[in-house]
Amino acid sequence: MNKFLSTYYPILLAFACMLYSIGLHIIGDPEGAQYTAHWPGTILLFAIAIRQRRKS
């Protein structure tokens, strides 16, 4: 389980952010939903960049 979380935590975090954005839009805050809609992509891009910079 620990290996799974250490490998896939960016995907799980991005998915949670996506659900948060969808929830904001459903409850009637489209501006907040548009703002938070950029978080999943940013999280995944930073995770890729960090993993490429690792030595091991």
Protein backbone atom coordinates (compact mmCIF):
# COMPACT_ATOMS: atom_id res chain seq x y z
CA MET A 1 0.00 0.00 0.00
CA ASN A 2 2.84 2.40 0.83
CA LYS A 3 4.48 1.81 -2.58
CA PHE A 4 1.13 2.40 -4.28
CA LEU A 5 0.61 5.74 -2.51
CA SER A 6 4.16 6.90 -3.09
CA THR A 7 3.78 6.17 -6.80
CA TYR A 8 0.25 7.38 -7.49
CA TYR A 9 -0.24 10.22 -4.98
CA PRO A 10 -0.17 12.95 -7.70
CA ILE A 11 -2.95 11.20 -9.61
CA LEU A 12 -5.07 10.79 -6.49
CA LEU A 13 -4.51 14.41 -5.50
CA ALA A 14 -5.36 15.64 -9.01
CA PHE A 15 -8.53 13.52 -9.02
CA ALA A 16 -9.58 15.00 -5.66
CA CYS A 17 -8.99 18.51 -7.02
CA MET A 18 -11.04 17.71 -10.09
CA LEU A 19 -13.93 16.50 -7.92
CA TYR A 20 -13.63 19.69 -5.85
CA SER A 21 -13.89 21.79 -9.00
CA ILE A 22 -16.92 19.87 -10.21
CA GLY A 23 -18.52 20.23 -6.78
CA LEU A 24 -17.99 23.98 -6.81
CA HIS A 25 -19.69 24.24 -10.18
CA ILE A 26 -22.61 22.10 -9.05
CA ILE A 27 -23.25 24.25 -5.96
CA GLY A 28 -23.23 27.40 -8.08
CA ASP A 29 -19.74 28.90 -7.97
CA PRO A 30 -18.59 28.81 -11.61
CA GLU A 31 -15.75 31.31 -11.07
CA GLY A 32 -14.27 29.21 -8.28
CA ALA A 33 -14.74 26.10 -10.37
CA GLN A 34 -12.85 27.63 -13.28
CA TYR A 35 -10.03 28.69 -10.98
CA THR A 36 -9.66 25.27 -9.37
CA ALA A 37 -10.04 23.46 -12.70
CA HIS A 38 -6.40 24.31 -13.44
CA TRP A 39 -5.07 22.60 -10.30
CA PRO A 40 -5.14 18.95 -11.53
CA GLY A 41 -3.09 19.67 -14.63
CA THR A 42 -0.61 21.75 -12.66
CA ILE A 43 -0.20 19.04 -10.03
CA LEU A 44 0.43 16.39 -12.67
CA LEU A 45 2.92 18.58 -14.57
CA PHE A 46 4.87 19.35 -11.41
CA ALA A 47 4.91 15.64 -10.51
CA ILE A 48 6.36 14.80 -13.93
CA ALA A 49 8.97 17.54 -13.63
CA ILE A 50 10.01 16.44 -10.13
CA ARG A 51 10.31 12.80 -11.16
CA GLN A 52 12.46 13.72 -14.14
CA ARG A 53 14.84 15.68 -11.92
CA ARG A 54 15.40 12.77 -9.50
CA LYS A 55 18.73 11.00 -9.69
CA SER A 56 17.40 7.50 -8.86
